[in-house]
Amino acid sequence: MDRILYTAANGAARILEQQSVIGNNMANVSTAGFREQLAVYRSVPVVPQAGELPTRVATVASTPGSHFRQGAMNETGRALDAAIAGEGWFAVQTPQGEAYTRAGEFAVNDRSQLVTHAGLPVLSNEGQPIEVPERGSITFATDGQISALGAGDNPRDIQLIGQLKLVNPPAGQLRRGDDGLFRLADGQAAQADPAVKIAPGFVEQSNVDPAAAMVAMISNARQFEMQMKVIQSANTNEERGNSILSAAG
């Protein structure tokens, strides 16, 4: 079979892989703290067979990382909401260990623990879940300290119950997990960074540019159509060649 079929099919497969990444970005345009995932093509050498040149290459789609630019800040006025002001991450507890997120839509679960929108415990500077007084109200300070006032307590009895663990490891050391959270590549826990600040009452939106993502999806769709036309043309040429050989026979 004509090698052009394999070349075009390989190109079409790579486009579909990249389209799935762009589609995931589009699906998370409204997800708080979401970081746009990057998708690129890279060349890989093809091991030559006898009589073939060693310079032939193929391509694969890869996701080398994420875009870490800050998303838009949306003021909610909600006491349990917080956004990272600038660089940094919230630390949360997962079944696989400590992980990091920019999503600050917090809540209090039935165990009186501060948790993320997905129900993961938010960690304190001591690396432990944060306990909130029953039916109490909490307030965040810009440095992550958490003050709480129990239901019916005198406002003068407000107490400090902990401090959010805020980290800022180098972006190159972070790896995105299948759950959308980030972790250090070596599996260790990052150290708290006192320079990281938060904006209480705000939520950071996804940093995906919807218009750019839509343009990329349209461009990929057109490229896929081109690959399909190449395959159809190669198939047509193959059929014509076979018919000529049959007539000559």
Foldseek 3Di string as FASTA:
>chain_A
DDCLLVQLVLVLVQLVVQLVLLVVLLVQQFPFQFWRWDKDKDKDWDPDDPPDDRPDIHIHIDGLATDDDFFDKAFQQDQQFKFWDPAWWWWWADPLGIWTTRWRCWDADPQQWIAGPVRTFTAFLVRDTFHAAVVWGWHADFQFWIWIDHVPHDPVPIDTRGGTQIFGDPRVQWDADPVSTIDGVVRDDGHGDSVITMDGRIITGYRDDNVVSVVSSVVSVVSSVVSVVSNVVVVVVVVVVVVVVVVVD
